[in-house]
Protein backbone atom coordinates (compact mmCIF):
# COMPACT_ATOMS: atom_id res chain seq x y z
CA MET A 1 31.48 16.14 22.74
CA ASN A 2 29.81 13.88 20.18
CA ILE A 3 26.10 14.03 19.32
CA ALA A 4 26.15 10.24 18.86
CA ARG A 5 26.32 10.04 22.66
CA ASN A 6 22.64 11.03 22.67
CA LEU A 7 21.88 7.65 21.12
CA GLU A 8 24.18 5.89 23.56
CA ARG A 9 22.44 7.52 26.56
CA SER A 10 18.97 6.63 25.29
CA ALA A 11 20.12 3.05 24.67
CA PHE A 12 21.56 2.90 28.22
CA PHE A 13 18.42 4.18 29.95
CA PHE A 14 15.78 2.69 27.63
CA PRO A 15 17.39 -0.30 25.84
CA ASP A 16 14.09 -2.09 25.18
CA ARG A 17 12.02 0.88 24.08
CA PRO A 18 11.33 1.23 20.34
CA ALA A 19 13.64 3.72 18.62
CA VAL A 20 12.48 3.25 15.03
CA SER A 21 9.26 1.91 13.59
CA GLU A 22 8.90 1.11 9.88
CA GLY A 23 5.60 -0.38 8.89
CA LEU A 24 5.28 -3.64 10.85
CA SER A 25 8.88 -3.77 12.12
CA GLU A 26 10.45 -2.01 15.07
CA MET A 27 14.03 -1.58 16.24
CA THR A 28 14.80 -0.99 19.91
CA TYR A 29 17.37 1.49 21.18
CA ALA A 30 19.71 -1.36 22.07
CA GLN A 31 19.42 -2.73 18.52
CA LEU A 32 19.91 0.68 16.87
CA ASN A 33 22.96 1.41 19.02
CA ASP A 34 24.41 -2.04 18.26
CA LYS A 35 24.01 -1.45 14.52
CA ALA A 36 25.64 1.97 14.78
CA ASN A 37 28.56 0.43 16.71
CA ARG A 38 29.09 -2.20 14.02
CA ILE A 39 29.08 0.46 11.32
CA ALA A 40 31.52 2.65 13.28
CA THR A 41 34.02 -0.18 13.74
CA ALA A 42 33.69 -1.33 10.13
CA LEU A 43 34.25 2.21 8.82
CA SER A 44 37.28 2.62 11.06
CA ARG A 45 38.73 -0.66 9.76
CA MET A 46 38.16 0.63 6.20
CA GLY A 47 40.41 3.59 6.96
CA VAL A 48 37.81 6.23 7.79
CA LYS A 49 39.42 8.64 10.25
CA PRO A 50 38.00 11.38 12.48
CA GLY A 51 37.18 14.39 10.33
CA ASP A 52 36.80 12.38 7.10
CA HIS A 53 33.65 13.03 5.09
CA VAL A 54 31.17 10.16 4.73
CA GLY A 55 28.06 10.66 2.60
CA LEU A 56 24.46 9.49 2.89
CA CYS A 57 22.20 9.57 -0.16
CA ALA A 58 19.15 7.39 0.47
CA PRO A 59 15.48 7.64 1.50
CA ASN A 60 14.48 7.65 5.18
CA SER A 61 14.97 4.28 6.88
CA GLY A 62 16.24 2.66 10.05
CA ASP A 63 19.44 1.72 8.18
CA TRP A 64 19.95 5.41 7.29
CA LEU A 65 19.75 6.24 11.01
CA ALA A 66 22.16 3.49 12.00
CA PHE A 67 24.68 4.52 9.35
CA TYR A 68 24.40 8.22 10.32
CA PHE A 69 25.16 7.51 13.98
CA GLY A 70 27.87 5.03 13.01
CA VAL A 71 29.60 7.78 11.02
CA LEU A 72 29.38 10.17 13.96
CA LYS A 73 30.54 7.57 16.47
CA ALA A 74 33.66 7.04 14.33
CA GLY A 75 34.37 10.78 14.58
CA ALA A 76 33.70 11.34 10.87
CA VAL A 77 31.50 14.01 9.29
CA ALA A 78 28.08 12.99 7.95
CA VAL A 79 27.47 14.71 4.59
CA THR A 80 23.77 14.35 3.81
CA PHE A 81 22.42 14.50 0.25
CA SER A 82 18.89 14.38 -1.13
CA SER A 83 17.93 10.93 -2.37
CA VAL A 84 16.02 12.49 -5.28
CA MET A 85 18.85 14.60 -6.70
CA LYS A 86 19.54 14.10 -10.41
CA LYS A 87 22.83 13.09 -12.04
CA ASP A 88 24.06 16.66 -12.66
CA GLU A 89 23.16 17.64 -9.10
CA ALA A 90 24.98 14.57 -7.77
CA GLU A 91 28.13 15.45 -9.69
CA LEU A 92 28.02 19.00 -8.32
CA LEU A 93 27.12 18.27 -4.70
CA VAL A 94 29.01 15.00 -4.14
CA GLY A 95 32.01 16.52 -5.90
CA HIS A 96 31.80 19.44 -3.51
CA GLY A 97 31.21 17.39 -0.34
CA ARG A 98 34.04 14.93 -1.16
CA PRO A 99 32.81 11.91 0.83
CA LYS A 100 35.32 9.11 1.17
CA VAL A 101 32.53 6.55 1.59
CA LEU A 102 28.95 6.88 0.36
CA PHE A 103 25.86 5.06 1.67
CA THR A 104 23.15 4.90 -0.97
CA PHE A 105 20.54 2.69 -2.66
CA ASP A 106 20.69 0.83 -5.94
CA ASP A 107 18.49 3.27 -7.88
CA LYS A 108 21.22 5.89 -7.46
CA LEU A 109 24.18 3.77 -8.53
CA ASP A 110 24.16 4.85 -12.18
CA ASP A 111 24.35 8.50 -11.08
CA LEU A 112 27.08 7.93 -8.51
CA ARG A 113 29.48 5.34 -9.93
CA GLY A 114 31.17 7.89 -12.16
CA LEU A 115 32.16 9.92 -9.09
CA ARG A 116 34.60 7.30 -7.83
CA GLY A 117 38.31 7.70 -8.26
CA PRO A 118 41.34 9.60 -6.89
CA GLY A 119 40.11 12.38 -4.64
CA GLY A 120 36.54 11.16 -5.04
CA VAL A 121 34.36 8.44 -3.55
CA GLU A 122 36.41 5.36 -2.64
CA THR A 123 33.62 2.99 -1.57
CA ILE A 124 29.90 2.91 -2.34
CA ILE A 125 27.80 1.02 0.21
CA SER A 126 24.68 -0.37 -1.46
CA PRO A 127 23.23 -3.84 -2.19
CA ARG A 128 24.79 -3.78 -5.68
CA GLY A 129 27.57 -1.37 -4.82
CA ASP A 130 31.15 -2.01 -3.73
CA LEU A 131 30.07 -3.21 -0.30
CA PRO A 132 26.55 -4.37 0.67
CA PHE A 133 25.19 -2.85 3.87
CA GLN A 134 24.65 -6.23 5.54
CA GLN A 135 28.24 -7.21 4.81
CA LEU A 136 29.42 -3.94 6.37
CA LEU A 137 27.47 -4.80 9.54
CA GLY A 138 29.05 -8.26 9.62
CA GLU A 139 32.54 -6.78 9.51
CA GLY A 140 31.94 -4.59 12.56
CA SER A 141 31.71 -5.08 16.31
CA GLY A 142 28.83 -4.28 18.65
CA SER A 143 31.27 -2.82 21.21
CA PHE A 144 32.17 0.77 20.40
CA LYS A 145 32.00 4.09 22.23
CA ALA A 146 31.59 7.34 20.35
CA LEU A 147 34.95 9.05 19.89
CA ASP A 148 35.58 12.34 21.65
CA ARG A 149 35.37 15.38 19.37
CA GLU A 150 35.83 19.06 20.09
CA ARG A 151 32.53 20.88 20.44
CA SER A 152 33.56 23.07 17.49
CA ASP A 153 34.37 20.10 15.22
CA THR A 154 32.07 19.67 12.25
CA ALA A 155 29.53 16.87 12.77
CA VAL A 156 27.28 17.32 9.73
CA ILE A 157 27.35 19.07 6.37
CA ALA A 158 23.86 19.81 5.04
CA TYR A 159 23.19 21.47 1.71
CA THR A 160 20.95 24.48 1.30
CA GLY A 161 19.84 26.71 -1.55
CA GLY A 162 19.92 25.94 -5.25
CA THR A 163 21.75 23.23 -7.13
CA THR A 164 23.50 25.44 -9.67
CA GLY A 165 26.58 27.57 -9.23
CA MET A 166 28.57 27.28 -6.01
CA PRO A 167 26.88 24.81 -3.62
CA LYS A 168 26.37 25.88 -0.02
CA GLY A 169 27.33 23.10 2.32
CA VAL A 170 26.43 24.24 5.82
CA MET A 171 28.98 23.05 8.37
CA LEU A 172 27.21 22.28 11.66
CA SER A 173 29.30 21.45 14.70
CA HIS A 174 28.47 19.06 17.53
CA GLU A 175 27.76 22.11 19.70
CA ASN A 176 25.49 23.68 17.05
CA ILE A 177 23.35 20.55 16.85
CA ASN A 178 23.25 19.81 20.57
CA ALA A 179 22.17 23.37 21.36
CA ALA A 180 19.38 23.24 18.80
CA ILE A 181 17.94 19.82 19.62
CA HIS A 182 17.94 20.37 23.39
CA THR A 183 15.81 23.43 22.70
CA VAL A 184 13.35 21.31 20.68
CA VAL A 185 13.04 18.69 23.43
CA PHE A 186 12.47 21.36 26.07
CA ASN A 187 9.93 23.43 24.15
CA GLU A 188 7.94 20.45 22.90
CA ARG A 189 7.89 18.68 26.29
CA SER A 190 9.21 15.57 24.52
CA THR A 191 9.12 12.26 26.43
CA PRO A 192 10.11 8.61 25.83
CA GLU A 193 6.40 7.86 25.32
CA ASP A 194 6.22 10.10 22.25
CA ARG A 195 6.00 8.66 18.75
CA ALA A 196 7.09 11.23 16.16
CA LEU A 197 6.00 10.93 12.54
CA CYS A 198 8.84 11.59 10.09
CA PHE A 199 8.24 11.52 6.36
CA LEU A 200 10.25 14.70 5.82
CA PRO A 201 13.64 13.70 4.37
CA PHE A 202 16.50 13.07 6.78
CA ASN A 203 18.89 15.06 4.58
CA HIS A 204 16.78 18.16 5.25
CA VAL A 205 17.75 19.99 8.43
CA PHE A 206 14.22 19.87 9.85
CA GLY A 207 13.81 16.14 9.39
CA GLN A 208 17.35 15.41 10.54
CA MET A 209 17.65 17.73 13.53
CA HIS A 210 14.24 18.88 14.72
CA ILE A 211 12.53 15.50 14.32
CA MET A 212 15.15 12.73 14.18
CA ASN A 213 17.96 13.94 16.44
CA ALA A 214 15.59 15.52 18.97
CA THR A 215 13.50 12.33 19.19
CA ILE A 216 16.62 10.20 19.73
CA LEU A 217 17.76 12.63 22.44
CA SER A 218 14.40 12.27 24.26
CA ALA A 219 14.32 8.46 23.72
CA GLY A 220 11.05 8.60 21.80
CA CYS A 221 10.11 6.46 18.81
CA LEU A 222 10.46 7.60 15.20
CA GLU A 223 7.66 6.49 12.88
CA VAL A 224 9.77 6.56 9.72
CA MET A 225 8.35 6.85 6.21
CA PRO A 226 10.45 7.22 3.03
CA ILE A 227 7.90 9.61 1.49
CA PHE A 228 4.58 11.15 2.42
CA ASP A 229 1.70 8.74 1.87
CA MET A 230 -1.67 10.07 3.04
CA GLU A 231 -3.26 6.62 3.33
CA LYS A 232 -0.41 5.25 5.45
CA VAL A 233 -0.29 8.37 7.61
CA LEU A 234 -4.00 8.02 8.34
CA GLU A 235 -3.50 4.33 9.17
CA LEU A 236 -0.70 5.14 11.62
CA MET A 237 -2.74 7.84 13.33
CA ALA A 238 -5.84 5.61 13.50
CA ALA A 239 -3.71 2.93 15.21
CA GLY A 240 -2.59 5.45 17.85
CA ARG A 241 1.01 5.26 16.66
CA VAL A 242 1.55 9.02 16.28
CA THR A 243 1.61 11.51 19.16
CA LYS A 244 3.61 14.23 17.36
CA LEU A 245 2.59 15.25 13.87
CA TYR A 246 5.27 17.06 11.90
CA ALA A 247 4.17 18.31 8.50
CA VAL A 248 4.32 21.24 6.10
CA PRO A 249 1.50 23.71 5.33
CA THR A 250 0.33 21.85 2.22
CA ILE A 251 -0.19 18.65 4.25
CA TYR A 252 -2.31 20.44 6.85
CA VAL A 253 -4.38 21.93 4.03
CA ARG A 254 -4.94 18.43 2.64
CA LEU A 255 -5.88 17.03 6.04
CA LEU A 256 -8.41 19.83 6.51
CA SER A 257 -10.14 18.69 3.32
CA LEU A 258 -11.04 15.39 5.06
CA ASP A 259 -14.25 14.77 6.98
CA ARG A 260 -14.00 14.18 10.75
CA VAL A 261 -10.33 15.16 10.79
CA LYS A 262 -10.29 15.33 14.61
CA GLU A 263 -11.19 11.64 14.93
CA LYS A 264 -8.62 10.71 12.29
CA LEU A 265 -5.74 12.20 14.35
CA GLY A 266 -5.97 9.40 16.93
CA ALA A 267 -3.44 9.96 19.77
CA VAL A 268 -1.83 13.08 18.24
CA ARG A 269 -1.17 15.59 21.03
CA TYR A 270 1.15 17.99 19.24
CA CYS A 271 1.25 19.47 15.74
CA PHE A 272 4.13 21.39 14.20
CA SER A 273 4.44 23.00 10.79
CA ALA A 274 7.79 23.46 9.07
CA ALA A 275 9.48 24.55 5.82
CA ALA A 276 7.23 27.54 5.03
CA SER A 277 5.03 30.07 6.80
CA MET A 278 1.53 28.86 7.60
CA ALA A 279 -1.47 30.92 6.49
CA LEU A 280 -3.41 32.28 9.49
CA GLU A 281 -6.69 30.96 8.15
CA VAL A 282 -5.34 27.40 8.04
CA VAL A 283 -4.18 27.67 11.68
CA ARG A 284 -7.60 28.98 12.75
CA GLN A 285 -9.47 26.25 10.89
CA TRP A 286 -7.23 23.54 12.35
CA LYS A 287 -7.79 24.77 15.91
CA GLU A 288 -11.52 25.04 15.35
CA ARG A 289 -11.87 21.53 13.88
CA THR A 290 -9.32 19.56 15.95
CA GLY A 291 -8.92 21.51 19.18
CA LEU A 292 -5.15 21.46 18.62
CA ALA A 293 -2.83 24.35 17.86
CA ILE A 294 -0.41 24.18 14.96
CA TYR A 295 2.86 25.26 16.48
CA GLU A 296 5.38 27.09 14.39
CA GLY A 297 8.91 28.18 14.94
CA TYR A 298 11.47 29.96 12.87
CA GLY A 299 14.64 28.34 11.72
CA MET A 300 17.04 27.62 8.89
CA THR A 301 19.75 25.14 7.97
CA GLU A 302 22.42 27.56 9.19
CA ALA A 303 20.82 27.53 12.68
CA ALA A 304 20.51 23.73 12.99
CA PRO A 305 17.61 24.88 12.64
CA THR A 306 15.96 26.39 15.73
CA VAL A 307 15.75 30.16 16.27
CA THR A 308 12.29 30.85 17.76
CA TYR A 309 9.41 28.85 19.21
CA ASN A 310 5.72 29.71 19.56
CA HIS A 311 4.80 28.77 23.09
CA TYR A 312 2.48 26.31 24.79
CA PHE A 313 1.26 28.87 27.28
CA ARG A 314 0.93 31.97 25.14
CA HIS A 315 0.63 30.76 21.59
CA VAL A 316 0.21 33.77 19.30
CA VAL A 317 -1.37 32.87 15.96
CA GLY A 318 0.51 34.48 13.08
CA SER A 319 3.76 34.76 15.01
CA VAL A 320 6.69 32.33 15.03
CA GLY A 321 7.22 32.98 18.74
CA THR A 322 10.13 34.28 20.75
CA GLU A 323 13.84 33.52 20.86
CA VAL A 324 14.78 30.08 22.17
CA PRO A 325 17.22 29.94 25.12
CA GLY A 326 20.73 31.10 24.23
CA VAL A 327 19.72 32.67 20.92
CA GLU A 328 19.63 36.41 20.20
CA ILE A 329 17.72 38.11 17.38
CA GLN A 330 17.97 41.62 16.01
CA ILE A 331 16.02 43.27 13.19
CA ARG A 332 18.41 45.35 11.09
CA ASP A 333 18.20 47.56 8.03
CA GLN A 334 20.39 47.06 4.96
CA GLU A 335 23.16 49.16 6.53
CA GLY A 336 23.22 46.90 9.57
CA LEU A 337 21.53 49.35 11.94
CA ARG A 338 19.22 47.85 14.56
CA LEU A 339 15.53 48.65 14.19
CA LYS A 340 12.83 49.10 16.82
CA PRO A 341 9.79 46.85 17.49
CA GLY A 342 7.22 47.25 14.73
CA GLN A 343 9.83 48.11 12.09
CA GLU A 344 10.45 45.67 9.24
CA GLY A 345 14.00 44.61 8.45
CA GLU A 346 16.32 41.66 8.00
CA ILE A 347 16.29 39.05 10.77
CA CYS A 348 19.80 38.61 12.16
CA VAL A 349 20.65 35.80 14.57
CA ARG A 350 23.46 34.97 16.99
CA GLY A 351 23.83 31.92 19.23
CA PRO A 352 25.53 28.57 19.90
CA ASN A 353 23.42 26.93 17.17
CA ILE A 354 24.69 29.13 14.32
CA MET A 355 26.84 27.31 11.75
CA LYS A 356 30.61 27.42 11.51
CA GLY A 357 30.33 28.53 7.89
CA TYR A 358 29.90 27.24 4.35
CA LEU A 359 32.20 24.45 3.21
CA ASP A 360 35.04 25.76 1.00
CA ASN A 361 33.21 29.05 0.50
CA PRO A 362 34.86 31.74 2.65
CA GLU A 363 33.41 34.57 0.57
CA ALA A 364 29.81 33.42 1.08
CA THR A 365 30.57 32.86 4.76
CA ARG A 366 31.87 36.43 5.15
CA GLU A 367 28.84 37.85 3.35
CA ALA A 368 26.49 35.89 5.61
CA PHE A 369 27.60 37.61 8.82
CA TRP A 370 27.63 41.11 10.25
CA GLU A 371 30.43 41.96 12.64
CA GLY A 372 30.07 40.24 16.01
CA GLY A 373 28.85 36.91 14.66
CA TRP A 374 25.37 38.05 13.62
CA PHE A 375 24.07 35.76 10.88
CA ARG A 376 22.07 37.47 8.14
CA SER A 377 19.04 35.28 7.46
CA GLY A 378 17.80 36.93 4.26
CA ASP A 379 14.31 36.98 5.80
CA VAL A 380 12.29 40.09 6.53
CA GLY A 381 10.55 40.26 9.89
CA LEU A 382 9.52 42.43 12.81
CA PHE A 383 9.06 42.19 16.57
CA ASP A 384 5.95 43.22 18.43
CA ASP A 385 6.19 44.93 21.82
CA ASN A 386 6.12 41.55 23.63
CA GLY A 387 9.11 40.16 21.75
CA TYR A 388 7.14 37.91 19.39
CA LEU A 389 8.65 37.62 15.94
CA TYR A 390 6.59 37.88 12.75
CA ILE A 391 7.93 36.78 9.37
CA VAL A 392 7.08 39.18 6.57
CA ASP A 393 8.77 37.30 3.70
CA ARG A 394 12.04 36.37 2.07
CA LEU A 395 14.08 39.30 0.80
CA LYS A 396 14.68 37.41 -2.43
CA ASP A 397 10.94 36.74 -2.90
CA MET A 398 9.99 40.40 -2.67
CA ILE A 399 8.27 41.70 -5.81
CA ILE A 400 9.02 45.23 -7.05
CA THR A 401 6.12 46.39 -9.18
CA GLY A 402 5.91 49.97 -10.43
CA GLY A 403 8.52 50.94 -7.82
CA GLU A 404 6.47 49.50 -4.95
CA ASN A 405 7.59 46.59 -2.76
CA VAL A 406 5.19 43.65 -2.44
CA TYR A 407 5.77 40.75 -0.05
CA PRO A 408 4.01 37.68 -1.49
CA ARG A 409 3.06 36.27 1.88
CA GLU A 410 0.73 39.20 2.61
CA VAL A 411 -1.18 38.51 -0.60
CA GLU A 412 -1.20 34.76 0.06
CA GLU A 413 -2.73 35.29 3.50
CA VAL A 414 -5.71 37.08 1.92
CA LEU A 415 -6.09 34.40 -0.74
CA PHE A 416 -6.11 31.61 1.86
CA ALA A 417 -9.09 33.27 3.57
CA ARG A 418 -11.22 32.34 0.54
CA GLU A 419 -12.97 28.98 0.74
CA GLU A 420 -12.54 28.34 -3.00
CA VAL A 421 -8.72 28.42 -2.62
CA LEU A 422 -7.13 25.11 -1.60
CA GLU A 423 -3.48 26.09 -2.14
CA CYS A 424 -1.80 29.15 -3.58
CA THR A 425 1.44 30.99 -4.05
CA VAL A 426 2.31 34.45 -5.37
CA ILE A 427 5.34 35.40 -7.47
CA GLY A 428 6.53 38.28 -9.62
CA LEU A 429 6.92 37.84 -13.37
CA PRO A 430 8.70 40.24 -15.78
CA ASP A 431 6.49 43.01 -17.12
CA ARG A 432 7.40 45.78 -19.60
CA GLU A 433 5.22 48.38 -17.92
CA TRP A 434 5.54 47.50 -14.24
CA GLY A 435 8.97 45.84 -14.13
CA GLU A 436 7.31 42.90 -12.39
CA ARG A 437 3.63 42.01 -12.20
CA VAL A 438 2.06 40.22 -9.26
CA VAL A 439 0.78 36.79 -10.32
CA ALA A 440 -1.20 34.34 -8.17
CA PHE A 441 -1.08 30.60 -8.85
CA ILE A 442 -4.08 28.85 -7.32
CA ILE A 443 -5.20 25.26 -6.83
CA PRO A 444 -9.00 25.53 -6.57
CA ARG A 445 -10.83 23.66 -3.82
CA PRO A 446 -12.83 20.76 -5.29
CA GLY A 447 -16.57 21.30 -5.26
CA LYS A 448 -16.34 25.07 -4.87
CA ALA A 449 -17.26 27.51 -7.63
CA PHE A 450 -14.37 29.70 -8.75
CA ASP A 451 -15.01 33.22 -10.01
CA LYS A 452 -11.85 35.20 -10.82
CA ASN A 453 -13.75 38.50 -10.94
CA ALA A 454 -15.22 37.95 -7.49
CA LEU A 455 -11.82 36.96 -6.12
CA HIS A 456 -10.19 40.02 -7.67
CA ALA A 457 -12.84 42.31 -6.16
CA TYR A 458 -12.29 40.70 -2.76
CA LEU A 459 -8.53 41.30 -2.88
CA LYS A 460 -9.04 44.90 -4.02
CA SER A 461 -11.16 45.49 -0.92
CA ARG A 462 -8.38 44.26 1.39
CA LEU A 463 -5.08 45.20 -0.23
CA SER A 464 -3.44 48.31 -1.61
CA PRO A 465 -3.98 48.45 -5.39
CA PHE A 466 -0.34 47.68 -6.28
CA LYS A 467 -0.45 44.47 -4.18
CA VAL A 468 -3.48 43.02 -5.95
CA PRO A 469 -2.49 40.33 -8.49
CA LYS A 470 -2.75 41.38 -12.10
CA GLU A 471 -3.18 37.75 -13.08
CA TYR A 472 -4.68 34.58 -11.59
CA ARG A 473 -3.58 31.20 -12.92
CA LEU A 474 -5.48 28.07 -11.97
CA VAL A 475 -3.23 25.01 -11.70
CA SER A 476 -3.62 21.39 -10.58
CA ASP A 477 -0.29 21.27 -8.74
CA LEU A 478 2.58 23.45 -7.55
CA PRO A 479 6.28 22.47 -7.73
CA LYS A 480 7.56 21.46 -4.30
CA ASN A 481 10.89 20.25 -2.96
CA PRO A 482 11.18 16.95 -1.03
CA ALA A 483 10.42 18.81 2.21
CA GLY A 484 7.09 20.01 0.77
CA LYS A 485 8.08 23.66 0.33
CA ILE A 486 6.78 25.42 -2.78
CA MET A 487 9.69 26.18 -5.10
CA LYS A 488 8.94 29.70 -6.27
CA ARG A 489 12.06 29.96 -8.40
CA GLU A 490 11.12 26.78 -10.25
CA LEU A 491 7.57 28.06 -10.71
CA LYS A 492 8.87 31.34 -12.07
CA LYS A 493 11.19 29.49 -14.45
CA LEU A 494 8.36 27.28 -15.71
CA ALA A 495 6.07 30.26 -16.18
CA GLN A 496 8.72 32.18 -18.16
CA GLU A 497 9.56 29.15 -20.29
CA SER A 498 5.91 28.77 -21.20
CA GLY A 499 6.06 32.29 -22.63
CA LYS A 500 3.15 33.51 -20.57
């Protein structure tokens, strides 16, 4: 088994169809497969062997895709890093991932050159690096077939969690990834005629697996963008070049602020939200104004990432759907006992998509599983009587105030129902009296009057007293990671450093 064979099959059946579109240029499946073959042969001639680690640290591009599949074709392991990581992060993560060869871009060279040496990076592929990308292509051959790998062999290492302490490199096997992306293609009714927008970073499991790998499997076209650019996204949609819109909640909120949003979507037939839970009010407004549902699922890096899917035929707003084929979910308490429908507990998952473990971190791997291969997600959820899963919140995000447990998402849902709130997030900050106090950070909606007293009274009428924020902070922006997810830990750190 080798997931690079998905590219080879698409290139065999649809050689002349576009695989990647970047601005005004397109690359067919035959061209993408040829590039990947040249990279695979060149890497092999450089001494890269099956199982060796090869890193990618660059923005989204067609060259990134070709290099990724070239690595996999050669039987090596693709170790994917964020292109926006800083020097200290690079030293930590690249040092942990131990890539033999590293594909990057010139802006990163100063941060990465010091990582070369015995036991470190041997060759940096970049225009001003040890070996330019175009030269690498010239040294390869267009004739290459993906090497056979065991289904349990590691295909990709993707990093999750923070960038301090012990890094968590999630080892995903060829079987893990194939199981997950086949589920995406099936549930989204993906076809070769689809054009999937991808501005979410390829190093992130959603961009890499759910969008990129699943689109290649279904022989669709990837509309690739290095970063989110609202003007360019609107241009692509107006030109009918997007049928599948993949975004994060903050992007949908921004799109809803536009006039005639339905007309601006062009040929979009399918909308999916990733990275964080979507507020119910945003989903309702989107359906009302566009006629399209915003589909959600539940997933994580350790599940490659698909765990649940909210269905075409019985889409339940507020839920993340039901288990995808082959995946089992149980809700358990902190002692590991299974709970009944309606009871809140930790979401535990088992299936062919669940990771092999964390790279060089057996202790964290052991702690992540209950007996029997049940992965502990760290998320709190519950099932309804029909088997639909609802996410309550992250265990680590729970606020304990005056001895009471508060899940921020519940408070955020009420805040999003207010028209004067454009974006918001809720965190707990240290408090002498309460232990933690509930604090809401809010980006006001332009043109709408904002009255904190009125907002406070509204929340008091809909939430238990201990859940109502004791403080409301108006901000112009919220810290987000490259995938668009609000970084609550960073926000908490900034708030504490400010002394407020």
